[in-house]
């Protein structure tokens, strides 16, 4: 019998490729319309003046830049992950320019992230990517454990994932360190909010 880790690795491999292919297949004019602003049910989850942790999408990931622009204009502080090493905890630093991204520089893993001089903050709401999810809020991430560790240290944060519909699976193995999300937003549906 395969271990939960092996099963998650298989799901991750299959869906990473499917996610890339799906995103690449979308016409530019369709992609431009998706994930521009959070649906009303998600906005109701976000406290006034919240610090919101977002991500800068890699190819294949559901785009988060529209949310960053919308939420900044709505008066929220926007922050992005800030990484310095594989074994160091993920932190968040303020992202002030989601339009031109002039405040970002290349960091660990080649990811664009705020500079070291950007203020470090702790998000009240975390809007994050994932590889797979179930309709009850279980998730599989990239496999590095950065989000699970951060969420484990900040259990009260509101956790919202952005995903393509093709990333939903009927079931997945859950391990003690796996952190569920409060809601999942896809182009066609909002799953949650979950208790």
Protein backbone atom coordinates (compact mmCIF):
# COMPACT_ATOMS: atom_id res chain seq x y z
CA UNK A 1 0.00 0.00 0.00
CA UNK A 2 1.28 3.44 -0.90
CA UNK A 3 1.99 5.98 1.80
CA UNK A 4 0.12 9.30 1.99
CA UNK A 5 3.34 11.02 0.93
CA UNK A 6 3.61 8.85 -2.22
CA UNK A 7 -0.05 9.41 -3.14
CA UNK A 8 0.32 13.18 -2.68
CA UNK A 9 3.44 13.12 -4.85
CA UNK A 10 1.48 11.39 -7.65
CA UNK A 11 -1.41 13.86 -7.37
CA UNK A 12 1.05 16.76 -7.37
CA UNK A 13 2.88 15.50 -10.46
CA UNK A 14 -0.36 14.92 -12.40
CA UNK A 15 -1.99 18.21 -11.47
CA UNK A 16 1.06 20.44 -11.88
CA UNK A 17 1.20 19.39 -15.53
CA UNK A 18 -2.59 19.65 -15.98
CA UNK A 19 -2.55 23.11 -14.37
CA UNK A 20 0.20 24.35 -16.72
CA UNK A 21 -1.58 22.95 -19.78
CA UNK A 22 -4.93 24.40 -18.73
CA UNK A 23 -3.55 27.89 -18.11
CA UNK A 24 -1.60 27.84 -21.38
CA UNK A 25 -4.73 26.80 -23.31
CA UNK A 26 -6.76 29.84 -22.20
CA UNK A 27 -7.05 32.60 -24.79
CA UNK A 28 -5.49 35.88 -23.61
CA UNK A 29 -8.85 37.69 -23.64
CA UNK A 30 -10.39 34.97 -21.43
CA UNK A 31 -7.45 34.91 -19.02
CA UNK A 32 -7.70 38.72 -18.70
CA UNK A 33 -11.22 38.40 -17.29
CA UNK A 34 -10.45 35.84 -14.59
CA UNK A 35 -9.59 36.51 -10.93
CA UNK A 36 -9.93 40.31 -11.25
CA UNK A 37 -11.66 40.86 -7.93
CA UNK A 38 -12.77 38.64 -5.06
CA UNK A 39 -16.41 37.49 -5.15
CA UNK A 40 -18.77 39.07 -2.59
CA UNK A 41 -18.71 35.98 -0.35
CA UNK A 42 -14.90 36.27 -0.14
CA UNK A 43 -15.00 40.04 0.45
CA UNK A 44 -17.33 39.34 3.38
CA UNK A 45 -14.58 37.17 4.90
CA UNK A 46 -11.96 39.96 4.76
CA UNK A 47 -11.88 42.36 7.73
CA UNK A 48 -11.69 46.10 7.11
CA UNK A 49 -8.10 47.37 6.77
CA UNK A 50 -6.71 43.82 6.78
CA UNK A 51 -3.15 42.97 5.88
CA UNK A 52 -3.51 40.53 3.01
CA UNK A 53 -0.80 38.09 2.03
CA UNK A 54 -0.93 37.24 -1.66
CA UNK A 55 1.42 35.55 -4.11
CA UNK A 56 2.93 36.38 -7.46
CA UNK A 57 1.69 33.61 -9.73
CA UNK A 58 4.05 31.28 -11.52
CA UNK A 59 3.05 29.98 -14.96
CA UNK A 60 0.08 27.69 -14.49
CA UNK A 61 -1.04 29.08 -11.13
CA UNK A 62 -4.31 30.96 -10.88
CA UNK A 63 -3.35 34.64 -11.23
CA UNK A 64 -3.45 36.80 -8.11
CA UNK A 65 -2.39 40.18 -9.54
CA UNK A 66 -5.99 41.31 -10.12
CA UNK A 67 -6.81 40.63 -6.47
CA UNK A 68 -3.66 42.51 -5.38
CA UNK A 69 -4.66 45.61 -7.36
CA UNK A 70 -8.30 45.50 -6.29
CA UNK A 71 -7.53 44.94 -2.59
CA UNK A 72 -4.85 47.65 -2.53
CA UNK A 73 -7.34 50.11 -4.02
CA UNK A 74 -9.88 48.98 -1.39
CA UNK A 75 -7.48 50.19 1.33
CA UNK A 76 -5.80 46.95 2.36
CA UNK A 77 -2.08 46.44 2.91
CA UNK A 78 -0.73 43.87 0.44
CA UNK A 79 2.20 41.60 1.28
CA UNK A 80 4.04 38.88 -0.62
CA UNK A 81 6.05 35.90 0.63
CA UNK A 82 9.67 36.63 1.38
CA UNK A 83 12.02 33.64 1.39
CA UNK A 84 15.71 33.45 2.15
CA UNK A 85 16.34 29.71 2.22
CA UNK A 86 14.89 26.24 2.00
CA UNK A 87 14.90 25.69 5.77
CA UNK A 88 14.03 29.25 6.81
CA UNK A 89 10.43 30.15 7.58
CA UNK A 90 8.39 32.06 5.05
CA UNK A 91 7.82 35.66 6.02
CA UNK A 92 5.78 38.42 4.41
CA UNK A 93 6.87 41.87 3.33
CA UNK A 94 4.76 44.76 2.09
CA UNK A 95 4.16 44.93 -1.67
CA UNK A 96 3.33 48.53 -2.62
CA UNK A 97 3.27 48.34 -6.42
CA UNK A 98 1.13 45.53 -7.86
CA UNK A 99 0.82 47.51 -11.13
CA UNK A 100 4.43 47.90 -12.28
CA UNK A 101 6.04 45.69 -9.58
CA UNK A 102 8.93 48.14 -9.24
CA UNK A 103 9.27 47.20 -5.56
CA UNK A 104 10.14 43.56 -6.34
CA UNK A 105 13.51 41.91 -6.81
CA UNK A 106 14.65 38.39 -7.53
CA UNK A 107 14.91 36.30 -4.40
CA UNK A 108 15.23 32.70 -3.33
CA UNK A 109 14.17 30.11 -5.96
CA UNK A 110 14.30 32.96 -8.50
CA UNK A 111 10.97 34.24 -7.17
CA UNK A 112 10.18 37.93 -7.41
CA UNK A 113 9.62 39.27 -3.92
CA UNK A 114 9.71 42.58 -2.03
CA UNK A 115 13.14 43.90 -1.21
CA UNK A 116 14.80 43.41 2.15
CA UNK A 117 13.99 47.01 3.07
CA UNK A 118 10.22 46.43 2.72
CA UNK A 119 8.36 46.32 6.03
CA UNK A 120 7.74 42.85 7.42
CA UNK A 121 4.09 42.21 8.32
CA UNK A 122 1.85 39.38 9.48
CA UNK A 123 -1.17 38.90 7.23
CA UNK A 124 -4.69 38.72 8.66
CA UNK A 125 -5.81 37.02 5.44
CA UNK A 126 -3.72 34.75 3.25
CA UNK A 127 -4.69 34.28 -0.40
CA UNK A 128 -2.54 31.45 -1.70
CA UNK A 129 -2.01 29.05 -4.57
CA UNK A 130 -2.31 25.29 -4.38
CA UNK A 131 -1.86 22.23 -6.54
CA UNK A 132 -5.00 20.28 -5.58
CA UNK A 133 -8.04 20.75 -3.36
CA UNK A 134 -11.16 18.92 -2.25
CA UNK A 135 -14.56 20.52 -2.02
CA UNK A 136 -14.30 20.51 1.79
CA UNK A 137 -11.11 22.60 1.93
CA UNK A 138 -8.29 20.07 2.08
CA UNK A 139 -5.32 21.07 -0.06
CA UNK A 140 -2.02 19.92 -1.48
CA UNK A 141 0.60 22.59 -2.01
CA UNK A 142 3.81 22.67 -4.03
CA UNK A 143 5.53 20.30 -1.62
CA UNK A 144 7.98 22.63 0.10
CA UNK A 145 5.85 22.99 3.24
CA UNK A 146 6.29 26.78 3.44
CA UNK A 147 2.57 27.55 3.61
CA UNK A 148 1.74 24.65 5.96
CA UNK A 149 4.47 25.76 8.38
CA UNK A 150 3.41 29.40 8.23
CA UNK A 151 -0.26 28.49 8.69
CA UNK A 152 0.62 26.17 11.58
CA UNK A 153 2.29 29.12 13.32
CA UNK A 154 -0.67 31.43 12.50
CA UNK A 155 -3.76 29.23 13.00
CA UNK A 156 -6.26 32.11 13.16
CA UNK A 157 -5.45 33.60 9.75
CA UNK A 158 -8.22 33.48 7.14
CA UNK A 159 -6.97 31.13 4.37
CA UNK A 160 -8.30 31.56 0.83
CA UNK A 161 -6.95 29.60 -2.12
CA UNK A 162 -7.19 30.48 -5.81
CA UNK A 163 -7.32 27.57 -8.24
CA UNK A 164 -8.49 26.35 -11.61
CA UNK A 165 -11.53 24.07 -11.60
CA UNK A 166 -9.39 21.20 -12.92
CA UNK A 167 -7.43 21.18 -9.65
CA UNK A 168 -10.34 19.75 -7.64
CA UNK A 169 -9.96 16.11 -6.64
CA UNK A 170 -12.50 13.88 -4.91
CA UNK A 171 -10.13 12.83 -2.14
CA UNK A 172 -6.55 13.05 -0.99
CA UNK A 173 -4.57 11.75 1.94
CA UNK A 174 -4.37 14.15 4.85
CA UNK A 175 -1.43 14.25 7.25
CA UNK A 176 -1.29 16.03 10.63
CA UNK A 177 0.78 18.93 9.23
CA UNK A 178 -1.62 19.61 6.32
CA UNK A 179 -3.50 22.87 6.79
CA UNK A 180 -6.99 23.30 5.33
CA UNK A 181 -8.21 26.48 3.71
CA UNK A 182 -11.18 28.63 4.68
CA UNK A 183 -12.38 28.85 1.06
CA UNK A 184 -11.32 28.02 -2.49
CA UNK A 185 -12.12 30.35 -5.40
CA UNK A 186 -12.15 29.01 -8.97
CA UNK A 187 -13.32 30.77 -12.14
CA UNK A 188 -16.74 29.12 -11.81
CA UNK A 189 -17.35 28.59 -8.09
CA UNK A 190 -16.49 29.41 -4.48
CA UNK A 191 -16.05 26.41 -2.18
CA UNK A 192 -16.72 27.39 1.43
CA UNK A 193 -16.37 29.26 3.62
CA UNK A 194 -15.48 26.28 5.78
CA UNK A 195 -15.62 26.27 9.56
